[in-house]
Amino acid sequence: MRRFIRSTITGLTAGLLAVSSGVAAQAASREAEEGWDSPPACVHINSDWRYTFVTNDCSSAYDVTVVYRDGANVPCRVASPGDIISFPGYGTQGNTVLGVALCAVAGRKDGRLEATPRL
């Protein structure tokens, strides 16, 4: 009985690992295919039908936007460290949020904003 349980747990763990790595690879290829850059892992996204929230847990500010399956264009916004920014949700018409993307802003590298000292 113990051998059966041990082999079942091992098989399930291996299966979950394969699925999770496949999902990550699919997300990375989708981003490259769509032509948008993802922010660092410390920028998180949470979406529902009404709102999409982007949380910046990084120590730097970033210019971000949300990418939708239907190609809806929403303006870029500055996400300072600790900010939670709201964007439109995916709605009730079958649209989906693909992810959060860095914005290409003139004079800024990789969407990161340089801190300016206050005088």
PDB file of N, CA and C in Angstrom:
ATOM      1  N   MET A   1       0.818  -1.193   0.000  1.00  0.00           N
ATOM      2  CA  MET A   1       0.000   0.000   0.000  1.00  0.00           C
ATOM      3  C   MET A   1       0.862   1.258   0.000  1.00  0.00           C
ATOM      4  N   ARG A   2       1.913   1.261   0.842  1.00  0.00           N
ATOM      5  CA  ARG A   2       2.797   2.418   0.896  1.00  0.00           C
ATOM      6  C   ARG A   2       3.490   2.632  -0.446  1.00  0.00           C
ATOM      7  N   ARG A   3       3.860   1.540  -1.103  1.00  0.00           N
ATOM      8  CA  ARG A   3       4.528   1.651  -2.394  1.00  0.00           C
ATOM      9  C   ARG A   3       3.584   2.299  -3.413  1.00  0.00           C
ATOM     10  N   PHE A   4       2.319   1.925  -3.384  1.00  0.00           N
ATOM     11  CA  PHE A   4       1.333   2.506  -4.303  1.00  0.00           C
ATOM     12  C   PHE A   4       1.174   4.006  -4.050  1.00  0.00           C
ATOM     13  N   ILE A   5       1.045   4.402  -2.795  1.00  0.00           N
ATOM     14  CA  ILE A   5       0.883   5.820  -2.457  1.00  0.00           C
ATOM     15  C   ILE A   5       2.118   6.603  -2.860  1.00  0.00           C
ATOM     16  N   ARG A   6       3.303   6.061  -2.564  1.00  0.00           N
ATOM     17  CA  ARG A   6       4.548   6.744  -2.905  1.00  0.00           C
ATOM     18  C   ARG A   6       4.680   6.919  -4.427  1.00  0.00           C
ATOM     19  N   SER A   7       4.370   5.884  -5.191  1.00  0.00           N
ATOM     20  CA  SER A   7       4.491   5.990  -6.651  1.00  0.00           C
ATOM     21  C   SER A   7       3.436   6.936  -7.220  1.00  0.00           C
ATOM     22  N   THR A   8       2.259   6.967  -6.622  1.00  0.00           N
ATOM     23  CA  THR A   8       1.211   7.891  -7.071  1.00  0.00           C
ATOM     24  C   THR A   8       1.625   9.332  -6.822  1.00  0.00           C
ATOM     25  N   ILE A   9       2.153   9.620  -5.648  1.00  0.00           N
ATOM     26  CA  ILE A   9       2.594  10.977  -5.316  1.00  0.00           C
ATOM     27  C   ILE A   9       3.738  11.401  -6.236  1.00  0.00           C
ATOM     28  N   THR A  10       4.671  10.494  -6.480  1.00  0.00           N
ATOM     29  CA  THR A  10       5.791  10.801  -7.371  1.00  0.00           C
ATOM     30  C   THR A  10       5.294  11.104  -8.778  1.00  0.00           C
ATOM     31  N   GLY A  11       4.360  10.319  -9.267  1.00  0.00           N
ATOM     32  CA  GLY A  11       3.808  10.542 -10.606  1.00  0.00           C
ATOM     33  C   GLY A  11       3.055  11.859 -10.710  1.00  0.00           C
ATOM     34  N   LEU A  12       2.262  12.168  -9.691  1.00  0.00           N
ATOM     35  CA  LEU A  12       1.525  13.439  -9.695  1.00  0.00           C
ATOM     36  C   LEU A  12       2.473  14.628  -9.638  1.00  0.00           C
ATOM     37  N   THR A  13       3.515  14.541  -8.831  1.00  0.00           N
ATOM     38  CA  THR A  13       4.489  15.629  -8.728  1.00  0.00           C
ATOM     39  C   THR A  13       5.178  15.855 -10.063  1.00  0.00           C
ATOM     40  N   ALA A  14       5.596  14.791 -10.721  1.00  0.00           N
ATOM     41  CA  ALA A  14       6.248  14.911 -12.029  1.00  0.00           C
ATOM     42  C   ALA A  14       5.289  15.510 -13.055  1.00  0.00           C
ATOM     43  N   GLY A  15       4.045  15.107 -13.016  1.00  0.00           N
ATOM     44  CA  GLY A  15       3.049  15.650 -13.944  1.00  0.00           C
ATOM     45  C   GLY A  15       2.805  17.130 -13.731  1.00  0.00           C
ATOM     46  N   LEU A  16       2.679  17.547 -12.484  1.00  0.00           N
ATOM     47  CA  LEU A  16       2.485  18.964 -12.184  1.00  0.00           C
ATOM     48  C   LEU A  16       3.685  19.798 -12.601  1.00  0.00           C
ATOM     49  N   LEU A  17       4.877  19.283 -12.399  1.00  0.00           N
ATOM     50  CA  LEU A  17       6.082  19.991 -12.808  1.00  0.00           C
ATOM     51  C   LEU A  17       6.119  20.165 -14.322  1.00  0.00           C
ATOM     52  N   ALA A  18       5.764  19.146 -15.057  1.00  0.00           N
ATOM     53  CA  ALA A  18       5.751  19.230 -16.526  1.00  0.00           C
ATOM     54  C   ALA A  18       4.716  20.234 -17.011  1.00  0.00           C
ATOM     55  N   VAL A  19       3.541  20.236 -16.407  1.00  0.00           N
ATOM     56  CA  VAL A  19       2.487  21.167 -16.811  1.00  0.00           C
ATOM     57  C   VAL A  19       2.879  22.596 -16.494  1.00  0.00           C
ATOM     58  N   SER A  20       3.418  22.846 -15.299  1.00  0.00           N
ATOM     59  CA  SER A  20       3.762  24.213 -14.920  1.00  0.00           C
ATOM     60  C   SER A  20       4.889  24.763 -15.777  1.00  0.00           C
ATOM     61  N   SER A  21       5.878  23.970 -16.117  1.00  0.00           N
ATOM     62  CA  SER A  21       6.956  24.460 -16.982  1.00  0.00           C
ATOM     63  C   SER A  21       6.451  24.691 -18.396  1.00  0.00           C
ATOM     64  N   GLY A  22       5.501  23.896 -18.851  1.00  0.00           N
ATOM     65  CA  GLY A  22       4.911  24.105 -20.171  1.00  0.00           C
ATOM     66  C   GLY A  22       4.107  25.390 -20.241  1.00  0.00           C
ATOM     67  N   VAL A  23       3.383  25.728 -19.184  1.00  0.00           N
ATOM     68  CA  VAL A  23       2.608  26.968 -19.131  1.00  0.00           C
ATOM     69  C   VAL A  23       3.537  28.167 -19.151  1.00  0.00           C
ATOM     70  N   ALA A  24       4.636  28.115 -18.405  1.00  0.00           N
ATOM     71  CA  ALA A  24       5.598  29.221 -18.381  1.00  0.00           C
ATOM     72  C   ALA A  24       6.229  29.413 -19.751  1.00  0.00           C
ATOM     73  N   ALA A  25       6.574  28.329 -20.421  1.00  0.00           N
ATOM     74  CA  ALA A  25       7.167  28.433 -21.755  1.00  0.00           C
ATOM     75  C   ALA A  25       6.158  28.994 -22.749  1.00  0.00           C
ATOM     76  N   GLN A  26       4.904  28.589 -22.622  1.00  0.00           N
ATOM     77  CA  GLN A  26       3.862  29.097 -23.516  1.00  0.00           C
ATOM     78  C   GLN A  26       3.657  30.592 -23.305  1.00  0.00           C
ATOM     79  N   ALA A  27       3.670  31.061 -22.061  1.00  0.00           N
ATOM     80  CA  ALA A  27       3.507  32.487 -21.777  1.00  0.00           C
ATOM     81  C   ALA A  27       4.672  33.282 -22.338  1.00  0.00           C
ATOM     82  N   ALA A  28       5.900  32.768 -22.179  1.00  0.00           N
ATOM     83  CA  ALA A  28       7.072  33.476 -22.700  1.00  0.00           C
ATOM     84  C   ALA A  28       7.036  33.546 -24.220  1.00  0.00           C
ATOM     85  N   SER A  29       6.615  32.465 -24.873  1.00  0.00           N
ATOM     86  CA  SER A  29       6.560  32.487 -26.337  1.00  0.00           C
ATOM     87  C   SER A  29       5.450  33.407 -26.828  1.00  0.00           C
ATOM     88  N   ARG A  30       4.348  33.480 -26.103  1.00  0.00           N
ATOM     89  CA  ARG A  30       3.254  34.379 -26.485  1.00  0.00           C
ATOM     90  C   ARG A  30       3.716  35.832 -26.418  1.00  0.00           C
ATOM     91  N   GLU A  31       4.467  36.184 -25.371  1.00  0.00           N
ATOM     92  CA  GLU A  31       4.964  37.546 -25.240  1.00  0.00           C
ATOM     93  C   GLU A  31       5.907  37.893 -26.384  1.00  0.00           C
ATOM     94  N   ALA A  32       6.808  36.974 -26.711  1.00  0.00           N
ATOM     95  CA  ALA A  32       7.743  37.229 -27.808  1.00  0.00           C
ATOM     96  C   ALA A  32       6.990  37.325 -29.134  1.00  0.00           C
ATOM     97  N   GLU A  33       5.989  36.490 -29.298  1.00  0.00           N
ATOM     98  CA  GLU A  33       5.193  36.486 -30.526  1.00  0.00           C
ATOM     99  C   GLU A  33       4.394  37.776 -30.675  1.00  0.00           C
ATOM    100  N   GLU A  34       3.838  38.261 -29.583  1.00  0.00           N
ATOM    101  CA  GLU A  34       3.026  39.465 -29.616  1.00  0.00           C
ATOM    102  C   GLU A  34       3.872  40.734 -29.657  1.00  0.00           C
ATOM    103  N   GLY A  35       5.152  40.637 -29.311  1.00  0.00           N
ATOM    104  CA  GLY A  35       6.044  41.781 -29.382  1.00  0.00           C
ATOM    105  C   GLY A  35       5.978  42.710 -28.180  1.00  0.00           C
ATOM    106  N   TRP A  36       5.672  42.191 -27.010  1.00  0.00           N
ATOM    107  CA  TRP A  36       5.678  43.036 -25.818  1.00  0.00           C
ATOM    108  C   TRP A  36       6.607  42.457 -24.767  1.00  0.00           C
ATOM    109  N   ASP A  37       7.198  43.371 -24.002  1.00  0.00           N
ATOM    110  CA  ASP A  37       8.154  42.988 -22.963  1.00  0.00           C
ATOM    111  C   ASP A  37       7.462  42.898 -21.616  1.00  0.00           C
ATOM    112  N   SER A  38       7.754  41.836 -20.915  1.00  0.00           N
ATOM    113  CA  SER A  38       7.185  41.655 -19.579  1.00  0.00           C
ATOM    114  C   SER A  38       8.016  42.399 -18.549  1.00  0.00           C
ATOM    115  N   PRO A  39       7.372  42.897 -17.518  1.00  0.00           N
ATOM    116  CA  PRO A  39       8.111  43.516 -16.421  1.00  0.00           C
ATOM    117  C   PRO A  39       8.763  42.427 -15.577  1.00  0.00           C
ATOM    118  N   PRO A  40       9.585  42.804 -14.606  1.00  0.00           N
ATOM    119  CA  PRO A  40      10.185  41.797 -13.729  1.00  0.00           C
ATOM    120  C   PRO A  40       9.119  41.073 -12.898  1.00  0.00           C
ATOM    121  N   ALA A  41       9.525  39.980 -12.308  1.00  0.00           N
ATOM    122  CA  ALA A  41       8.596  39.133 -11.548  1.00  0.00           C
ATOM    123  C   ALA A  41       7.981  39.838 -10.342  1.00  0.00           C
ATOM    124  N   CYS A  42       8.551  40.946  -9.910  1.00  0.00           N
ATOM    125  CA  CYS A  42       7.996  41.655  -8.756  1.00  0.00           C
ATOM    126  C   CYS A  42       6.814  42.557  -9.137  1.00  0.00           C
ATOM    127  N   VAL A  43       6.434  42.583 -10.415  1.00  0.00           N
ATOM    128  CA  VAL A  43       5.226  43.287 -10.864  1.00  0.00           C
ATOM    129  C   VAL A  43       4.165  42.214 -11.105  1.00  0.00           C
ATOM    130  N   HIS A  44       3.056  42.304 -10.385  1.00  0.00           N
ATOM    131  CA  HIS A  44       2.022  41.263 -10.414  1.00  0.00           C
ATOM    132  C   HIS A  44       0.740  41.792 -11.042  1.00  0.00           C
ATOM    133  N   ILE A  45      -0.055  40.862 -11.578  1.00  0.00           N
ATOM    134  CA  ILE A  45      -1.328  41.231 -12.200  1.00  0.00           C
ATOM    135  C   ILE A  45      -2.432  40.337 -11.639  1.00  0.00           C
ATOM    136  N   ASN A  46      -3.595  40.940 -11.435  1.00  0.00           N
ATOM    137  CA  ASN A  46      -4.776  40.212 -10.972  1.00  0.00           C
ATOM    138  C   ASN A  46      -5.964  40.800 -11.708  1.00  0.00           C
ATOM    139  N   SER A  47      -6.689  39.981 -12.453  1.00  0.00           N
ATOM    140  CA  SER A  47      -7.784  40.538 -13.251  1.00  0.00           C
ATOM    141  C   SER A  47      -9.093  39.801 -13.002  1.00  0.00           C
ATOM    142  N   ASP A  48     -10.165  40.544 -13.168  1.00  0.00           N
ATOM    143  CA  ASP A  48     -11.505  39.966 -13.176  1.00  0.00           C
ATOM    144  C   ASP A  48     -12.299  40.693 -14.257  1.00  0.00           C
ATOM    145  N   TRP A  49     -13.582  40.470 -14.326  1.00  0.00           N
ATOM    146  CA  TRP A  49     -14.379  41.020 -15.421  1.00  0.00           C
ATOM    147  C   TRP A  49     -14.450  42.545 -15.393  1.00  0.00           C
ATOM    148  N   ARG A  50     -14.328  43.138 -14.217  1.00  0.00           N
ATOM    149  CA  ARG A  50     -14.500  44.582 -14.108  1.00  0.00           C
ATOM    150  C   ARG A  50     -13.193  45.367 -14.030  1.00  0.00           C
ATOM    151  N   TYR A  51     -12.232  44.865 -13.257  1.00  0.00           N
ATOM    152  CA  TYR A  51     -10.964  45.573 -13.062  1.00  0.00           C
ATOM    153  C   TYR A  51      -9.783  44.626 -13.231  1.00  0.00           C
ATOM    154  N   THR A  52      -8.667  45.195 -13.646  1.00  0.00           N
ATOM    155  CA  THR A  52      -7.380  44.504 -13.646  1.00  0.00           C
ATOM    156  C   THR A  52      -6.447  45.331 -12.783  1.00  0.00           C
ATOM    157  N   PHE A  53      -5.849  44.699 -11.794  1.00  0.00           N
ATOM    158  CA  PHE A  53      -4.954  45.396 -10.877  1.00  0.00           C
ATOM    159  C   PHE A  53      -3.518  44.981 -11.144  1.00  0.00           C
ATOM    160  N   VAL A  54      -2.631  45.975 -11.251  1.00  0.00           N
ATOM    161  CA  VAL A  54      -1.198  45.741 -11.401  1.00  0.00           C
ATOM    162  C   VAL A  54      -0.540  46.250 -10.125  1.00  0.00           C
ATOM    163  N   THR A  55       0.211  45.381  -9.464  1.00  0.00           N
ATOM    164  CA  THR A  55       0.883  45.715  -8.213  1.00  0.00           C
ATOM    165  C   THR A  55       2.383  45.721  -8.444  1.00  0.00           C
ATOM    166  N   ASN A  56       3.044  46.787  -8.018  1.00  0.00           N
ATOM    167  CA  ASN A  56       4.486  46.890  -8.148  1.00  0.00           C
ATOM    168  C   ASN A  56       5.130  46.651  -6.787  1.00  0.00           C
ATOM    169  N   ASP A  57       5.723  45.477  -6.622  1.00  0.00           N
ATOM    170  CA  ASP A  57       6.450  45.141  -5.398  1.00  0.00           C
ATOM    171  C   ASP A  57       7.959  45.316  -5.584  1.00  0.00           C
ATOM    172  N   CYS A  58       8.351  45.995  -6.652  1.00  0.00           N
ATOM    173  CA  CYS A  58       9.776  46.227  -6.942  1.00  0.00           C
ATOM    174  C   CYS A  58      10.274  47.456  -6.184  1.00  0.00           C
ATOM    175  N   SER A  59      11.582  47.647  -6.228  1.00  0.00           N
ATOM    176  CA  SER A  59      12.170  48.842  -5.614  1.00  0.00           C
ATOM    177  C   SER A  59      12.291  49.979  -6.622  1.00  0.00           C
ATOM    178  N   SER A  60      11.933  49.728  -7.898  1.00  0.00           N
ATOM    179  CA  SER A  60      11.969  50.749  -8.955  1.00  0.00           C
ATOM    180  C   SER A  60      10.574  50.966  -9.502  1.00  0.00           C
ATOM    181  N   ALA A  61      10.368  52.138 -10.078  1.00  0.00           N
ATOM    182  CA  ALA A  61       9.095  52.431 -10.748  1.00  0.00           C
ATOM    183  C   ALA A  61       9.174  51.950 -12.194  1.00  0.00           C
ATOM    184  N   TYR A  62       8.021  51.574 -12.761  1.00  0.00           N
ATOM    185  CA  TYR A  62       7.957  51.102 -14.145  1.00  0.00           C
ATOM    186  C   TYR A  62       6.761  51.734 -14.848  1.00  0.00           C
ATOM    187  N   ASP A  63       6.912  51.965 -16.161  1.00  0.00           N
ATOM    188  CA  ASP A  63       5.793  52.345 -17.020  1.00  0.00           C
ATOM    189  C   ASP A  63       5.152  51.050 -17.497  1.00  0.00           C
ATOM    190  N   VAL A  64       3.878  50.845 -17.186  1.00  0.00           N
ATOM    191  CA  VAL A  64       3.224  49.586 -17.527  1.00  0.00           C
ATOM    192  C   VAL A  64       1.881  49.821 -18.205  1.00  0.00           C
ATOM    193  N   THR A  65       1.447  48.811 -18.921  1.00  0.00           N
ATOM    194  CA  THR A  65       0.107  48.770 -19.484  1.00  0.00           C
ATOM    195  C   THR A  65      -0.357  47.323 -19.434  1.00  0.00           C
ATOM    196  N   VAL A  66      -1.618  47.094 -19.754  1.00  0.00           N
ATOM    197  CA  VAL A  66      -2.178  45.756 -19.766  1.00  0.00           C
ATOM    198  C   VAL A  66      -2.445  45.364 -21.212  1.00  0.00           C
ATOM    199  N   VAL A  67      -2.152  44.108 -21.562  1.00  0.00           N
ATOM    200  CA  VAL A  67      -2.349  43.594 -22.910  1.00  0.00           C
ATOM    201  C   VAL A  67      -3.599  42.712 -22.910  1.00  0.00           C
ATOM    202  N   TYR A  68      -4.515  43.016 -23.840  1.00  0.00           N
ATOM    203  CA  TYR A  68      -5.771  42.272 -23.957  1.00  0.00           C
ATOM    204  C   TYR A  68      -5.779  41.448 -25.244  1.00  0.00           C
ATOM    205  N   ARG A  69      -6.484  40.341 -25.242  1.00  0.00           N
ATOM    206  CA  ARG A  69      -6.557  39.469 -26.413  1.00  0.00           C
ATOM    207  C   ARG A  69      -7.145  40.178 -27.615  1.00  0.00           C
ATOM    208  N   ASP A  70      -8.138  41.056 -27.399  1.00  0.00           N
ATOM    209  CA  ASP A  70      -8.778  41.734 -28.519  1.00  0.00           C
ATOM    210  C   ASP A  70      -7.982  42.933 -29.032  1.00  0.00           C
ATOM    211  N   GLY A  71      -6.807  43.195 -28.441  1.00  0.00           N
ATOM    212  CA  GLY A  71      -5.968  44.294 -28.904  1.00  0.00           C
ATOM    213  C   GLY A  71      -6.370  45.654 -28.370  1.00  0.00           C
ATOM    214  N   ALA A  72      -7.254  45.702 -27.383  1.00  0.00           N
ATOM    215  CA  ALA A  72      -7.662  46.986 -26.808  1.00  0.00           C
ATOM    216  C   ALA A  72      -6.433  47.749 -26.339  1.00  0.00           C
ATOM    217  N   ASN A  73      -6.418  49.032 -26.618  1.00  0.00           N
ATOM    218  CA  ASN A  73      -5.275  49.865 -26.284  1.00  0.00           C
ATOM    219  C   ASN A  73      -5.611  50.707 -25.057  1.00  0.00           C
ATOM    220  N   VAL A  74      -4.892  50.474 -23.971  1.00  0.00           N
ATOM    221  CA  VAL A  74      -5.072  51.274 -22.770  1.00  0.00           C
ATOM    222  C   VAL A  74      -3.777  52.050 -22.527  1.00  0.00           C
ATOM    223  N   PRO A  75      -3.882  53.258 -21.993  1.00  0.00           N
ATOM    224  CA  PRO A  75      -2.688  54.081 -21.813  1.00  0.00           C
ATOM    225  C   PRO A  75      -1.715  53.495 -20.783  1.00  0.00           C
ATOM    226  N   CYS A  76      -0.448  53.833 -20.995  1.00  0.00           N
ATOM    227  CA  CYS A  76       0.588  53.441 -20.040  1.00  0.00           C
ATOM    228  C   CYS A  76       0.453  54.277 -18.775  1.00  0.00           C
ATOM    229  N   ARG A  77       0.804  53.666 -17.663  1.00  0.00           N
ATOM    230  CA  ARG A  77       0.754  54.366 -16.386  1.00  0.00           C
ATOM    231  C   ARG A  77       2.019  54.073 -15.618  1.00  0.00           C
ATOM    232  N   VAL A  78       2.409  54.994 -14.773  1.00  0.00           N
ATOM    233  CA  VAL A  78       3.597  54.816 -13.942  1.00  0.00           C
ATOM    234  C   VAL A  78       3.209  54.047 -12.687  1.00  0.00           C
ATOM    235  N   ALA A  79       3.913  52.940 -12.457  1.00  0.00           N
ATOM    236  CA  ALA A  79       3.719  52.147 -11.242  1.00  0.00           C
ATOM    237  C   ALA A  79       4.936  52.347 -10.360  1.00  0.00           C
ATOM    238  N   SER A  80       4.790  53.186  -9.365  1.00  0.00           N
ATOM    239  CA  SER A  80       5.873  53.421  -8.400  1.00  0.00           C
ATOM    240  C   SER A  80       5.945  52.248  -7.433  1.00  0.00           C
ATOM    241  N   PRO A  81       7.065  52.094  -6.740  1.00  0.00           N
ATOM    242  CA  PRO A  81       7.172  50.993  -5.768  1.00  0.00           C
ATOM    243  C   PRO A  81       6.017  51.025  -4.765  1.00  0.00           C
ATOM    244  N   GLY A  82       5.361  49.871  -4.586  1.00  0.00           N
ATOM    245  CA  GLY A  82       4.256  49.755  -3.647  1.00  0.00           C
ATOM    246  C   GLY A  82       2.894  50.126  -4.216  1.00  0.00           C
ATOM    247  N   ASP A  83       2.846  50.647  -5.441  1.00  0.00           N
ATOM    248  CA  ASP A  83       1.570  51.059  -6.037  1.00  0.00           C
ATOM    249  C   ASP A  83       0.721  49.870  -6.473  1.00  0.00           C
ATOM    250  N   ILE A  84      -0.586  50.066  -6.399  1.00  0.00           N
ATOM    251  CA  ILE A  84      -1.562  49.160  -6.999  1.00  0.00           C
ATOM    252  C   ILE A  84      -2.357  50.021  -7.970  1.00  0.00           C
ATOM    253  N   ILE A  85      -2.246  49.705  -9.258  1.00  0.00           N
ATOM    254  CA  ILE A  85      -2.871  50.510 -10.308  1.00  0.00           C
ATOM    255  C   ILE A  85      -4.011  49.716 -10.924  1.00  0.00           C
ATOM    256  N   SER A  86      -5.134  50.390 -11.182  1.00  0.00           N
ATOM    257  CA  SER A  86      -6.264  49.688 -11.792  1.00  0.00           C
ATOM    258  C   SER A  86      -6.374  50.024 -13.275  1.00  0.00           C
ATOM    259  N   PHE A  87      -6.714  49.006 -14.042  1.00  0.00           N
ATOM    260  CA  PHE A  87      -6.992  49.086 -15.471  1.00  0.00           C
ATOM    261  C   PHE A  87      -8.359  48.443 -15.700  1.00  0.00           C
ATOM    262  N   PRO A  88      -8.938  48.620 -16.878  1.00  0.00           N
ATOM    263  CA  PRO A  88     -10.202  47.930 -17.152  1.00  0.00           C
ATOM    264  C   PRO A  88     -10.039  46.411 -17.082  1.00  0.00           C
ATOM    265  N   GLY A  89     -11.094  45.734 -16.682  1.00  0.00           N
ATOM    266  CA  GLY A  89     -11.091  44.278 -16.648  1.00  0.00           C
ATOM    267  C   GLY A  89     -11.335  43.701 -18.022  1.00  0.00           C
ATOM    268  N   TYR A  90     -11.549  42.384 -18.082  1.00  0.00           N
ATOM    269  CA  TYR A  90     -11.731  41.735 -19.376  1.00  0.00           C
ATOM    270  C   TYR A  90     -13.173  41.785 -19.875  1.00  0.00           C
ATOM    271  N   GLY A  91     -14.093  42.264 -19.057  1.00  0.00           N
ATOM    272  CA  GLY A  91     -15.467  42.457 -19.514  1.00  0.00           C
ATOM    273  C   GLY A  91     -16.276  41.181 -19.583  1.00  0.00           C
ATOM    274  N   THR A  92     -17.447  41.301 -20.182  1.00  0.00           N
ATOM    275  CA  THR A  92     -18.374  40.171 -20.256  1.00  0.00           C
ATOM    276  C   THR A  92     -18.547  39.638 -21.676  1.00  0.00           C
ATOM    277  N   GLN A  93     -17.696  40.097 -22.601  1.00  0.00           N
ATOM    278  CA  GLN A  93     -17.840  39.703 -24.008  1.00  0.00           C
ATOM    279  C   GLN A  93     -16.817  38.664 -24.451  1.00  0.00           C
ATOM    280  N   GLY A  94     -16.169  37.975 -23.520  1.00  0.00           N
ATOM    281  CA  GLY A  94     -15.239  36.905 -23.868  1.00  0.00           C
ATOM    282  C   GLY A  94     -13.806  37.344 -24.086  1.00  0.00           C
ATOM    283  N   ASN A  95     -13.464  38.583 -23.768  1.00  0.00           N
ATOM    284  CA  ASN A  95     -12.090  39.042 -23.887  1.00  0.00           C
ATOM    285  C   ASN A  95     -11.274  38.461 -22.735  1.00  0.00           C
ATOM    286  N   THR A  96      -9.951  38.453 -22.846  1.00  0.00           N
ATOM    287  CA  THR A  96      -9.089  38.008 -21.758  1.00  0.00           C
ATOM    288  C   THR A  96      -7.909  38.964 -21.615  1.00  0.00           C
ATOM    289  N   VAL A  97      -7.351  39.002 -20.412  1.00  0.00           N
ATOM    290  CA  VAL A  97      -6.144  39.771 -20.149  1.00  0.00           C
ATOM    291  C   VAL A  97      -4.969  38.820 -20.367  1.00  0.00           C
ATOM    292  N   LEU A  98      -4.071  39.183 -21.284  1.00  0.00           N
ATOM    293  CA  LEU A  98      -2.913  38.343 -21.574  1.00  0.00           C
ATOM    294  C   LEU A  98      -1.770  38.570 -20.603  1.00  0.00           C
ATOM    295  N   GLY A  99      -1.664  39.790 -20.088  1.00  0.00           N
ATOM    296  CA  GLY A  99      -0.588  40.073 -19.147  1.00  0.00           C
ATOM    297  C   GLY A  99      -0.329  41.556 -19.024  1.00  0.00           C
ATOM    298  N   VAL A 100       0.728  41.862 -18.291  1.00  0.00           N
ATOM    299  CA  VAL A 100       1.154  43.247 -18.115  1.00  0.00           C
ATOM    300  C   VAL A 100       2.430  43.427 -18.932  1.00  0.00           C
ATOM    301  N   ALA A 101       2.569  44.590 -19.574  1.00  0.00           N
ATOM    302  CA  ALA A 101       3.715  44.858 -20.441  1.00  0.00           C
ATOM    303  C   ALA A 101       4.382  46.165 -20.052  1.00  0.00           C
ATOM    304  N   LEU A 102       5.683  46.218 -20.292  1.00  0.00           N
ATOM    305  CA  LEU A 102       6.422  47.461 -20.110  1.00  0.00           C
ATOM    306  C   LEU A 102       6.164  48.359 -21.307  1.00  0.00           C
ATOM    307  N   CYS A 103       6.070  49.638 -21.073  1.00  0.00           N
ATOM    308  CA  CYS A 103       5.864  50.601 -22.144  1.00  0.00           C
ATOM    309  C   CYS A 103       7.208  51.141 -22.606  1.00  0.00           C
ATOM    310  N   ALA A 104       7.305  51.392 -23.889  1.00  0.00           N
ATOM    311  CA  ALA A 104       8.501  52.018 -24.446  1.00  0.00           C
ATOM    312  C   ALA A 104       8.300  53.523 -24.380  1.00  0.00           C
ATOM    313  N   VAL A 105       8.978  54.168 -23.461  1.00  0.00           N
ATOM    314  CA  VAL A 105       8.865  55.605 -23.278  1.00  0.00           C
ATOM    315  C   VAL A 105      10.204  56.225 -23.649  1.00  0.00           C
ATOM    316  N   ALA A 106      10.180  57.265 -24.463  1.00  0.00           N
ATOM    317  CA  ALA A 106      11.416  57.902 -24.914  1.00  0.00           C
ATOM    318  C   ALA A 106      12.259  58.348 -23.722  1.00  0.00           C
ATOM    319  N   GLY A 107      13.537  58.019 -23.754  1.00  0.00           N
ATOM    320  CA  GLY A 107      14.450  58.436 -22.699  1.00  0.00           C
ATOM    321  C   GLY A 107      14.488  57.516 -21.501  1.00  0.00           C
ATOM    322  N   ARG A 108      13.719  56.436 -21.542  1.00  0.00           N
ATOM    323  CA  ARG A 108      13.707  55.498 -20.422  1.00  0.00           C
ATOM    324  C   ARG A 108      14.072  54.119 -20.938  1.00  0.00           C
ATOM    325  N   LYS A 109      14.886  53.425 -20.203  1.00  0.00           N
ATOM    326  CA  LYS A 109      15.331  52.110 -20.618  1.00  0.00           C
ATOM    327  C   LYS A 109      14.493  51.030 -19.958  1.00  0.00           C
ATOM    328  N   ASP A 110      13.951  50.121 -20.757  1.00  0.00           N
ATOM    329  CA  ASP A 110      13.191  48.967 -20.254  1.00  0.00           C
ATOM    330  C   ASP A 110      12.016  49.348 -19.377  1.00  0.00           C
ATOM    331  N   GLY A 111      11.411  50.507 -19.603  1.00  0.00           N
ATOM    332  CA  GLY A 111      10.257  50.915 -18.828  1.00  0.00           C
ATOM    333  C   GLY A 111      10.575  51.364 -17.424  1.00  0.00           C
ATOM    334  N   ARG A 112      11.838  51.293 -17.034  1.00  0.00           N
ATOM    335  CA  ARG A 112      12.228  51.659 -15.671  1.00  0.00           C
ATOM    336  C   ARG A 112      12.435  53.164 -15.584  1.00  0.00           C
ATOM    337  N   LEU A 113      11.928  53.746 -14.553  1.00  0.00           N
ATOM    338  CA  LEU A 113      12.082  55.176 -14.322  1.00  0.00           C
ATOM    339  C   LEU A 113      13.232  55.408 -13.356  1.00  0.00           C
ATOM    340  N   GLU A 114      14.040  56.363 -13.664  1.00  0.00           N
ATOM    341  CA  GLU A 114      15.147  56.718 -12.763  1.00  0.00           C
ATOM    342  C   GLU A 114      14.613  57.648 -11.676  1.00  0.00           C
ATOM    343  N   ALA A 115      15.009  57.396 -10.458  1.00  0.00           N
ATOM    344  CA  ALA A 115      14.585  58.233  -9.343  1.00  0.00           C
ATOM    345  C   ALA A 115      15.275  59.599  -9.450  1.00  0.00           C
ATOM    346  N   THR A 116      14.521  60.654  -9.258  1.00  0.00           N
ATOM    347  CA  THR A 116      15.122  61.979  -9.275  1.00  0.00           C
ATOM    348  C   THR A 116      15.101  62.530  -7.859  1.00  0.00           C
ATOM    349  N   PRO A 117      16.243  63.018  -7.405  1.00  0.00           N
ATOM    350  CA  PRO A 117      16.288  63.519  -6.025  1.00  0.00           C
ATOM    351  C   PRO A 117      15.491  64.794  -5.866  1.00  0.00           C
ATOM    352  N   ARG A 118      14.866  64.942  -4.729  1.00  0.00           N
ATOM    353  CA  ARG A 118      14.134  66.181  -4.418  1.00  0.00           C
ATOM    354  C   ARG A 118      15.091  67.180  -3.810  1.00  0.00           C
ATOM    355  N   LEU A 119      14.947  68.409  -4.207  1.00  0.00           N
ATOM    356  CA  LEU A 119      15.810  69.478  -3.658  1.00  0.00           C
ATOM    357  C   LEU A 119      15.092  70.264  -2.607  1.00  0.00           C
TER     358      LEU A 119
END
